[in-house]
Every structure is written in C-alpha cells, then in structure tokens.
Amino acid sequence: MVYAPRKIVYPLFVIIFSLVFFSMLFLAFFNQSIDVLDPSVSVSGTDVVIKLTLVNNSMHAIDGVRVVVSSESEEKAFFLRGSNDSQKSSLAAGEKFDFVATFPVTQTLKYKVVISAPFNKPVPIDFTLEQSTIDPVRAEVSLPAKLYVNEKLEYPVKLCNISGTDLPEVIWVENAEGGDFKETFFERSVSLKVSECKTIFSIITPQKTGNINLGFSLKVGALEKKILTVLNVVAK
C-alpha cells in the first residue's frame, strides 16, 4: 500500500474543496439563468393578478422553479403548471413560460415577487398598486344635516362598482353604540357588475339628542373600508 505524504494530500484537499465550494457559491449567487419579461400586476375583483414571462436562457433544464408573492401581511408560494411538487416545476432549456397567479387583495399597495430555483440567483420584483385598486366601491350616503329624536328616518346608500371587474359580493353594514338608535343593524350583501350602481335603503331612529356617531363598514373580499358620520340630533 502506498501512502501519499501529508504535504501533498492536505494542499490537494484544500484545492479541491475550494473549487467545489466556490463553484457552488457561484451557482447559488451569481448564476442567473432565468430572465423575467413583461412583469405586470393588476386587480381583478378581490384578487391581485401577477403576470410575467419566465425564460430559461441556459442550455440545460432548470428544476424547482418557485415564485413567491408577498405583501406586508400575506405570503404565497407557487410552482409552475399548477404543480405542488418543486421537482415538476421546471423550465426546459431555452423555454419561455407565461406565468399567471392570483393573490388575495390586502390593504397594502406594495407587493414583492421573488423567482428562484436551486443554484440560481433569485430574481426579485417589486410592484406598487394605485390607491384606486384597493378602493373598488364608491359609497354615497345621503343623510340630512339635522335629525329628530325618536323620529324614524329612511335614507339611501348608493354603492357603485369602480373596480373595472364584476364584484359578486359587496357587504354593507351600519354600526353604532348601544342605545343610540332603536334599530339592530345587520350586514347586507349586493353584487355589482362593472360600472354598476345599486341603491339600498336603511332606517335609523335616534334615541337621544346631541352629536351621535354612526359608522359604516364596506367589505369587498379581504378589503374593508370604514366610514364615520357624526349626526346632529335635536328635540322635535
């Protein structure tokens, strides 16, 4: 049996280890074989829609492609072609793939998308939505400047879809401190097509004089908008 001197083995081991380590480091942090073309974000109803084209510009297949979408409060991971298996989420050499995913709308306007795969440098993309995209319904409440104690009032609430897509469920509900009004408030739901407006009617009967707060909640999916109105109630 022939033994190699330590003076030869150790330097050779260090060289091989260094080559392997720096090769993996390069692949993990500097190799960018995935390009992203035409990234876009939009809102459809109660979902954020992410669209982008992934391009494998290498000469080999890339497995384990993962797209992570996140906001300040939510995070969701996607694989290609609807697969739940990262090994099946692959791009063939030179392949272009049109990726589309939906993500629940939240109150935040900022979203981050990160495209990653083993031994490839992650590709981050930041999106910022317009304020109007998370305010899909305009509510118009018609209340008089003065109300009378113990007198019932019916008033209209006009709800208009300004989102650009159909909204299957828009929820409206009043809320107030106990004892301020005779009525018990409950949620009401309407559907609104693109650009459609509907009017619902509510009834309130104030039970005391002075300035009384009447609140409204408008819910569309995960979005909730709150409105507060101060009513001037006087004796008749």
C-alpha atoms as a PDB file:
ATOM      1  CA  MET A   1       0.000   0.000   0.000  1.00  0.00           C
ATOM      2  CA  VAL A   2       1.319   3.431  -0.977  1.00  0.00           C
ATOM      3  CA  TYR A   3       0.692   6.443   1.292  1.00  0.00           C
ATOM      4  CA  ALA A   4       0.861   9.971  -0.066  1.00  0.00           C
ATOM      5  CA  PRO A   5       2.774  12.431   2.084  1.00  0.00           C
ATOM      6  CA  ARG A   6       0.690  14.879   4.092  1.00  0.00           C
ATOM      7  CA  LYS A   7       2.427  17.764   2.375  1.00  0.00           C
ATOM      8  CA  ILE A   8       0.760  16.646  -0.855  1.00  0.00           C
ATOM      9  CA  VAL A   9      -2.620  15.414   0.466  1.00  0.00           C
ATOM     10  CA  TYR A  10      -3.572  18.486   2.517  1.00  0.00           C
ATOM     11  CA  PRO A  11      -2.915  21.111  -0.182  1.00  0.00           C
ATOM     12  CA  LEU A  12      -4.686  18.913  -2.739  1.00  0.00           C
ATOM     13  CA  PHE A  13      -7.702  18.541  -0.430  1.00  0.00           C
ATOM     14  CA  VAL A  14      -7.833  22.293   0.159  1.00  0.00           C
ATOM     15  CA  ILE A  15      -7.679  22.999  -3.569  1.00  0.00           C
ATOM     16  CA  ILE A  16     -10.454  20.508  -4.403  1.00  0.00           C
ATOM     17  CA  PHE A  17     -12.640  21.722  -1.522  1.00  0.00           C
ATOM     18  CA  SER A  18     -12.136  25.344  -2.563  1.00  0.00           C
ATOM     19  CA  LEU A  19     -13.030  24.597  -6.173  1.00  0.00           C
ATOM     20  CA  VAL A  20     -16.218  22.809  -5.169  1.00  0.00           C
ATOM     21  CA  PHE A  21     -17.183  25.472  -2.610  1.00  0.00           C
ATOM     22  CA  PHE A  22     -16.650  28.414  -4.929  1.00  0.00           C
ATOM     23  CA  SER A  23     -18.388  26.597  -7.789  1.00  0.00           C
ATOM     24  CA  MET A  24     -21.474  26.095  -5.613  1.00  0.00           C
ATOM     25  CA  LEU A  25     -21.224  29.679  -4.390  1.00  0.00           C
ATOM     26  CA  PHE A  26     -21.125  30.918  -7.964  1.00  0.00           C
ATOM     27  CA  LEU A  27     -24.078  28.776  -8.978  1.00  0.00           C
ATOM     28  CA  ALA A  28     -26.114  29.846  -5.963  1.00  0.00           C
ATOM     29  CA  PHE A  29     -25.444  33.581  -6.059  1.00  0.00           C
ATOM     30  CA  PHE A  30     -24.079  34.615  -9.430  1.00  0.00           C
ATOM     31  CA  ASN A  31     -25.637  32.269 -11.976  1.00  0.00           C
ATOM     32  CA  GLN A  32     -28.758  33.904 -13.379  1.00  0.00           C
ATOM     33  CA  SER A  33     -30.172  31.546 -15.969  1.00  0.00           C
ATOM     34  CA  ILE A  34     -33.785  32.743 -15.532  1.00  0.00           C
ATOM     35  CA  ASP A  35     -34.852  36.002 -17.121  1.00  0.00           C
ATOM     36  CA  VAL A  36     -38.179  37.707 -16.389  1.00  0.00           C
ATOM     37  CA  LEU A  37     -40.007  39.546 -19.171  1.00  0.00           C
ATOM     38  CA  ASP A  38     -43.091  41.788 -19.131  1.00  0.00           C
ATOM     39  CA  PRO A  39     -43.922  41.613 -15.402  1.00  0.00           C
ATOM     40  CA  SER A  40     -47.272  43.163 -14.527  1.00  0.00           C
ATOM     41  CA  VAL A  41     -49.727  43.335 -11.661  1.00  0.00           C
ATOM     42  CA  SER A  42     -53.419  44.196 -11.732  1.00  0.00           C
ATOM     43  CA  VAL A  43     -56.529  43.749  -9.626  1.00  0.00           C
ATOM     44  CA  SER A  44     -59.474  41.603 -10.677  1.00  0.00           C
ATOM     45  CA  GLY A  45     -62.334  41.720  -8.198  1.00  0.00           C
ATOM     46  CA  THR A  46     -60.802  40.733  -4.862  1.00  0.00           C
ATOM     47  CA  ASP A  47     -57.584  39.263  -6.284  1.00  0.00           C
ATOM     48  CA  VAL A  48     -54.228  40.657  -7.303  1.00  0.00           C
ATOM     49  CA  VAL A  49     -53.215  39.096 -10.641  1.00  0.00           C
ATOM     50  CA  ILE A  50     -49.490  38.600 -11.228  1.00  0.00           C
ATOM     51  CA  LYS A  51     -48.336  38.036 -14.815  1.00  0.00           C
ATOM     52  CA  LEU A  52     -44.782  37.516 -16.071  1.00  0.00           C
ATOM     53  CA  THR A  53     -42.858  35.529 -18.662  1.00  0.00           C
ATOM     54  CA  LEU A  54     -40.048  33.296 -17.400  1.00  0.00           C
ATOM     55  CA  VAL A  55     -37.207  32.500 -19.814  1.00  0.00           C
ATOM     56  CA  ASN A  56     -34.599  29.799 -19.290  1.00  0.00           C
ATOM     57  CA  ASN A  57     -31.622  31.236 -21.160  1.00  0.00           C
ATOM     58  CA  SER A  58     -29.320  28.322 -20.296  1.00  0.00           C
ATOM     59  CA  MET A  59     -28.506  25.154 -22.239  1.00  0.00           C
ATOM     60  CA  HIS A  60     -29.960  22.859 -19.573  1.00  0.00           C
ATOM     61  CA  ALA A  61     -33.275  22.304 -17.793  1.00  0.00           C
ATOM     62  CA  ILE A  62     -33.893  24.189 -14.543  1.00  0.00           C
ATOM     63  CA  ASP A  63     -35.868  22.277 -11.913  1.00  0.00           C
ATOM     64  CA  GLY A  64     -37.519  23.532  -8.747  1.00  0.00           C
ATOM     65  CA  VAL A  65     -38.616  26.921 -10.097  1.00  0.00           C
ATOM     66  CA  ARG A  66     -40.510  28.739  -7.344  1.00  0.00           C
ATOM     67  CA  VAL A  67     -42.425  32.026  -7.406  1.00  0.00           C
ATOM     68  CA  VAL A  68     -43.150  33.623  -4.037  1.00  0.00           C
ATOM     69  CA  VAL A  69     -45.621  36.526  -3.833  1.00  0.00           C
ATOM     70  CA  SER A  70     -45.812  38.510  -0.602  1.00  0.00           C
ATOM     71  CA  SER A  71     -47.343  41.631   0.899  1.00  0.00           C
ATOM     72  CA  GLU A  72     -46.939  43.102   4.368  1.00  0.00           C
ATOM     73  CA  SER A  73     -49.348  40.542   5.816  1.00  0.00           C
ATOM     74  CA  GLU A  74     -49.545  37.625   3.353  1.00  0.00           C
ATOM     75  CA  GLU A  75     -47.160  35.276   1.539  1.00  0.00           C
ATOM     76  CA  LYS A  76     -47.904  32.586  -1.011  1.00  0.00           C
ATOM     77  CA  ALA A  77     -45.602  30.265  -2.985  1.00  0.00           C
ATOM     78  CA  PHE A  78     -46.359  28.988  -6.493  1.00  0.00           C
ATOM     79  CA  PHE A  79     -44.831  26.332  -8.722  1.00  0.00           C
ATOM     80  CA  LEU A  80     -45.168  26.176 -12.495  1.00  0.00           C
ATOM     81  CA  ARG A  81     -48.092  24.483 -14.247  1.00  0.00           C
ATOM     82  CA  GLY A  82     -50.090  24.215 -11.029  1.00  0.00           C
ATOM     83  CA  SER A  83     -47.757  21.595  -9.604  1.00  0.00           C
ATOM     84  CA  ASN A  84     -47.317  21.098  -5.860  1.00  0.00           C
ATOM     85  CA  ASP A  85     -44.023  19.295  -6.469  1.00  0.00           C
ATOM     86  CA  SER A  86     -40.974  21.529  -6.853  1.00  0.00           C
ATOM     87  CA  GLN A  87     -39.204  18.889  -8.970  1.00  0.00           C
ATOM     88  CA  LYS A  88     -42.009  19.054 -11.535  1.00  0.00           C
ATOM     89  CA  SER A  89     -41.811  22.837 -11.621  1.00  0.00           C
ATOM     90  CA  SER A  90     -39.196  23.053 -14.358  1.00  0.00           C
ATOM     91  CA  LEU A  91     -38.163  25.032 -17.406  1.00  0.00           C
ATOM     92  CA  ALA A  92     -36.615  23.238 -20.358  1.00  0.00           C
ATOM     93  CA  ALA A  93     -33.502  24.687 -21.975  1.00  0.00           C
ATOM     94  CA  GLY A  94     -34.464  27.864 -23.829  1.00  0.00           C
ATOM     95  CA  GLU A  95     -38.120  27.595 -22.765  1.00  0.00           C
ATOM     96  CA  LYS A  96     -40.430  30.577 -22.304  1.00  0.00           C
ATOM     97  CA  PHE A  97     -43.264  30.162 -19.833  1.00  0.00           C
ATOM     98  CA  ASP A  98     -46.149  32.597 -19.254  1.00  0.00           C
ATOM     99  CA  PHE A  99     -46.786  32.587 -15.515  1.00  0.00           C
ATOM    100  CA  VAL A 100     -50.116  33.794 -14.079  1.00  0.00           C
ATOM    101  CA  ALA A 101     -51.123  33.657 -10.418  1.00  0.00           C
ATOM    102  CA  THR A 102     -53.715  35.287  -8.181  1.00  0.00           C
ATOM    103  CA  PHE A 103     -53.116  36.602  -4.696  1.00  0.00           C
ATOM    104  CA  PRO A 104     -55.721  37.942  -2.233  1.00  0.00           C
ATOM    105  CA  VAL A 105     -56.018  41.730  -2.219  1.00  0.00           C
ATOM    106  CA  THR A 106     -54.944  43.234   1.101  1.00  0.00           C
ATOM    107  CA  GLN A 107     -54.930  46.791   2.409  1.00  0.00           C
ATOM    108  CA  THR A 108     -51.315  47.264   1.326  1.00  0.00           C
ATOM    109  CA  LEU A 109     -50.322  48.697  -2.043  1.00  0.00           C
ATOM    110  CA  LYS A 110     -46.857  47.115  -2.132  1.00  0.00           C
ATOM    111  CA  TYR A 111     -46.193  43.554  -3.311  1.00  0.00           C
ATOM    112  CA  LYS A 112     -42.950  41.640  -3.787  1.00  0.00           C
ATOM    113  CA  VAL A 113     -42.357  38.729  -6.164  1.00  0.00           C
ATOM    114  CA  VAL A 114     -39.229  36.549  -5.957  1.00  0.00           C
ATOM    115  CA  ILE A 115     -38.443  33.959  -8.630  1.00  0.00           C
ATOM    116  CA  SER A 116     -35.912  31.357  -7.506  1.00  0.00           C
ATOM    117  CA  ALA A 117     -34.506  27.912  -8.315  1.00  0.00           C
ATOM    118  CA  PRO A 118     -31.662  25.810  -6.868  1.00  0.00           C
ATOM    119  CA  PHE A 119     -28.206  27.048  -7.936  1.00  0.00           C
ATOM    120  CA  ASN A 120     -29.691  30.188  -9.491  1.00  0.00           C
ATOM    121  CA  LYS A 121     -29.602  33.751  -8.297  1.00  0.00           C
ATOM    122  CA  PRO A 122     -33.098  34.846  -7.094  1.00  0.00           C
ATOM    123  CA  VAL A 123     -34.864  37.466  -9.212  1.00  0.00           C
ATOM    124  CA  PRO A 124     -36.827  39.979  -7.077  1.00  0.00           C
ATOM    125  CA  ILE A 125     -39.524  42.258  -8.495  1.00  0.00           C
ATOM    126  CA  ASP A 126     -41.402  44.955  -6.564  1.00  0.00           C
ATOM    127  CA  PHE A 127     -44.887  46.195  -7.503  1.00  0.00           C
ATOM    128  CA  THR A 128     -46.862  49.167  -6.194  1.00  0.00           C
ATOM    129  CA  LEU A 129     -50.582  49.371  -6.928  1.00  0.00           C
ATOM    130  CA  GLU A 130     -52.574  52.547  -7.366  1.00  0.00           C
ATOM    131  CA  GLN A 131     -54.741  53.591  -4.420  1.00  0.00           C
ATOM    132  CA  SER A 132     -57.888  53.188  -6.515  1.00  0.00           C
ATOM    133  CA  THR A 133     -57.231  49.453  -6.942  1.00  0.00           C
ATOM    134  CA  ILE A 134     -57.893  48.749  -3.253  1.00  0.00           C
ATOM    135  CA  ASP A 135     -60.943  51.008  -3.152  1.00  0.00           C
ATOM    136  CA  PRO A 136     -63.213  49.162  -5.616  1.00  0.00           C
ATOM    137  CA  VAL A 137     -66.583  50.563  -4.488  1.00  0.00           C
ATOM    138  CA  ARG A 138     -67.713  54.154  -4.042  1.00  0.00           C
ATOM    139  CA  ALA A 139     -70.337  54.617  -1.339  1.00  0.00           C
ATOM    140  CA  GLU A 140     -72.620  57.652  -1.212  1.00  0.00           C
ATOM    141  CA  VAL A 141     -74.667  58.070   1.967  1.00  0.00           C
ATOM    142  CA  SER A 142     -77.412  60.688   1.925  1.00  0.00           C
ATOM    143  CA  LEU A 143     -78.235  61.931   5.422  1.00  0.00           C
ATOM    144  CA  PRO A 144     -79.817  65.242   6.446  1.00  0.00           C
ATOM    145  CA  ALA A 145     -77.870  67.818   8.417  1.00  0.00           C
ATOM    146  CA  LYS A 146     -80.307  67.532  11.320  1.00  0.00           C
ATOM    147  CA  LEU A 147     -82.240  64.572  12.765  1.00  0.00           C
ATOM    148  CA  TYR A 148     -85.010  64.491  15.391  1.00  0.00           C
ATOM    149  CA  VAL A 149     -85.001  62.293  18.451  1.00  0.00           C
ATOM    150  CA  ASN A 150     -87.403  59.296  18.322  1.00  0.00           C
ATOM    151  CA  GLU A 151     -88.276  60.067  14.697  1.00  0.00           C
ATOM    152  CA  LYS A 152     -87.674  57.275  12.188  1.00  0.00           C
ATOM    153  CA  LEU A 153     -85.609  58.179   9.135  1.00  0.00           C
ATOM    154  CA  GLU A 154     -85.182  56.154   5.954  1.00  0.00           C
ATOM    155  CA  TYR A 155     -82.101  57.129   3.961  1.00  0.00           C
ATOM    156  CA  PRO A 156     -80.463  55.820   0.749  1.00  0.00           C
ATOM    157  CA  VAL A 157     -76.969  54.380   0.318  1.00  0.00           C
ATOM    158  CA  LYS A 158     -75.682  54.280  -3.250  1.00  0.00           C
ATOM    159  CA  LEU A 159     -72.955  51.710  -3.982  1.00  0.00           C
ATOM    160  CA  CYS A 160     -71.038  51.944  -7.282  1.00  0.00           C
ATOM    161  CA  ASN A 161     -68.508  49.472  -8.681  1.00  0.00           C
ATOM    162  CA  ILE A 162     -65.460  51.453  -9.855  1.00  0.00           C
ATOM    163  CA  SER A 163     -63.040  48.499  -9.918  1.00  0.00           C
ATOM    164  CA  GLY A 164     -63.306  47.557 -13.598  1.00  0.00           C
ATOM    165  CA  THR A 165     -64.348  43.954 -12.810  1.00  0.00           C
ATOM    166  CA  ASP A 166     -67.521  42.274 -11.575  1.00  0.00           C
ATOM    167  CA  LEU A 167     -67.876  42.072  -7.784  1.00  0.00           C
ATOM    168  CA  PRO A 168     -70.040  39.096  -6.718  1.00  0.00           C
ATOM    169  CA  GLU A 169     -70.382  40.210  -3.094  1.00  0.00           C
ATOM    170  CA  VAL A 170     -70.241  43.686  -1.581  1.00  0.00           C
ATOM    171  CA  ILE A 171     -71.203  43.826   2.089  1.00  0.00           C
ATOM    172  CA  TRP A 172     -72.555  46.947   3.786  1.00  0.00           C
ATOM    173  CA  VAL A 173     -73.380  47.322   7.479  1.00  0.00           C
ATOM    174  CA  GLU A 174     -74.056  50.186   9.900  1.00  0.00           C
ATOM    175  CA  ASN A 175     -72.703  50.221  13.442  1.00  0.00           C
ATOM    176  CA  ALA A 176     -73.258  52.443  16.477  1.00  0.00           C
ATOM    177  CA  GLU A 177     -73.036  52.484  20.256  1.00  0.00           C
ATOM    178  CA  GLY A 178     -75.736  50.568  22.071  1.00  0.00           C
ATOM    179  CA  GLY A 179     -78.709  52.755  22.944  1.00  0.00           C
ATOM    180  CA  ASP A 180     -78.006  55.429  20.335  1.00  0.00           C
ATOM    181  CA  PHE A 181     -80.586  54.012  17.903  1.00  0.00           C
ATOM    182  CA  LYS A 182     -83.648  51.784  18.222  1.00  0.00           C
ATOM    183  CA  GLU A 183     -82.574  49.564  15.319  1.00  0.00           C
ATOM    184  CA  THR A 184     -80.355  46.496  15.371  1.00  0.00           C
ATOM    185  CA  PHE A 185     -78.021  46.676  12.393  1.00  0.00           C
ATOM    186  CA  PHE A 186     -77.094  43.698  10.223  1.00  0.00           C
ATOM    187  CA  GLU A 187     -74.992  43.025   7.147  1.00  0.00           C
ATOM    188  CA  ARG A 188     -76.492  43.314   3.695  1.00  0.00           C
ATOM    189  CA  SER A 189     -74.939  41.943   0.540  1.00  0.00           C
ATOM    190  CA  VAL A 190     -75.246  43.025  -3.080  1.00  0.00           C
ATOM    191  CA  SER A 191     -73.494  42.023  -6.298  1.00  0.00           C
ATOM    192  CA  LEU A 192     -72.224  44.709  -8.642  1.00  0.00           C
ATOM    193  CA  LYS A 193     -71.261  44.324 -12.282  1.00  0.00           C
ATOM    194  CA  VAL A 194     -68.639  46.539 -13.891  1.00  0.00           C
ATOM    195  CA  SER A 195     -69.649  50.215 -13.550  1.00  0.00           C
ATOM    196  CA  GLU A 196     -72.973  49.223 -11.973  1.00  0.00           C
ATOM    197  CA  CYS A 197     -74.565  51.191  -9.137  1.00  0.00           C
ATOM    198  CA  LYS A 198     -77.227  49.973  -6.730  1.00  0.00           C
ATOM    199  CA  THR A 199     -79.113  51.798  -4.012  1.00  0.00           C
ATOM    200  CA  ILE A 200     -80.079  50.205  -0.719  1.00  0.00           C
ATOM    201  CA  PHE A 201     -82.194  51.829   1.987  1.00  0.00           C
ATOM    202  CA  SER A 202     -81.601  51.900   5.743  1.00  0.00           C
ATOM    203  CA  ILE A 203     -83.680  53.061   8.683  1.00  0.00           C
ATOM    204  CA  ILE A 204     -82.421  54.762  11.836  1.00  0.00           C
ATOM    205  CA  THR A 205     -84.320  56.120  14.834  1.00  0.00           C
ATOM    206  CA  PRO A 206     -82.121  58.153  17.206  1.00  0.00           C
ATOM    207  CA  GLN A 207     -82.988  57.785  20.882  1.00  0.00           C
ATOM    208  CA  LYS A 208     -81.144  60.761  22.341  1.00  0.00           C
ATOM    209  CA  THR A 209     -80.190  64.299  21.421  1.00  0.00           C
ATOM    210  CA  GLY A 210     -76.730  65.686  20.746  1.00  0.00           C
ATOM    211  CA  ASN A 211     -73.951  64.526  18.433  1.00  0.00           C
ATOM    212  CA  ILE A 212     -74.219  60.786  17.763  1.00  0.00           C
ATOM    213  CA  ASN A 213     -71.690  58.698  15.829  1.00  0.00           C
ATOM    214  CA  LEU A 214     -72.948  56.421  13.079  1.00  0.00           C
ATOM    215  CA  GLY A 215     -70.364  54.175  11.446  1.00  0.00           C
ATOM    216  CA  PHE A 216     -70.439  52.232   8.200  1.00  0.00           C
ATOM    217  CA  SER A 217     -68.370  49.260   7.059  1.00  0.00           C
ATOM    218  CA  LEU A 218     -67.941  48.402   3.389  1.00  0.00           C
ATOM    219  CA  LYS A 219     -66.414  44.964   2.753  1.00  0.00           C
ATOM    220  CA  VAL A 220     -65.208  43.514  -0.541  1.00  0.00           C
ATOM    221  CA  GLY A 221     -63.386  40.247  -0.033  1.00  0.00           C
ATOM    222  CA  ALA A 222     -60.491  40.860   2.350  1.00  0.00           C
ATOM    223  CA  LEU A 223     -60.822  44.630   1.944  1.00  0.00           C
ATOM    224  CA  GLU A 224     -62.735  46.646   4.483  1.00  0.00           C
ATOM    225  CA  LYS A 225     -63.362  50.369   4.419  1.00  0.00           C
ATOM    226  CA  LYS A 226     -64.817  52.179   7.433  1.00  0.00           C
ATOM    227  CA  ILE A 227     -66.698  55.470   7.339  1.00  0.00           C
ATOM    228  CA  LEU A 228     -67.765  57.548  10.334  1.00  0.00           C
ATOM    229  CA  THR A 229     -70.533  60.150  10.298  1.00  0.00           C
ATOM    230  CA  VAL A 230     -71.451  62.454  13.172  1.00  0.00           C
ATOM    231  CA  LEU A 231     -75.186  63.134  13.328  1.00  0.00           C
ATOM    232  CA  ASN A 232     -76.776  66.187  14.941  1.00  0.00           C
ATOM    233  CA  VAL A 233     -79.911  65.019  16.787  1.00  0.00           C
ATOM    234  CA  VAL A 234     -82.290  67.577  18.284  1.00  0.00           C
ATOM    235  CA  ALA A 235     -85.627  67.517  20.116  1.00  0.00           C
ATOM    236  CA  LYS A 236     -88.648  67.988  17.920  1.00  0.00           C
END
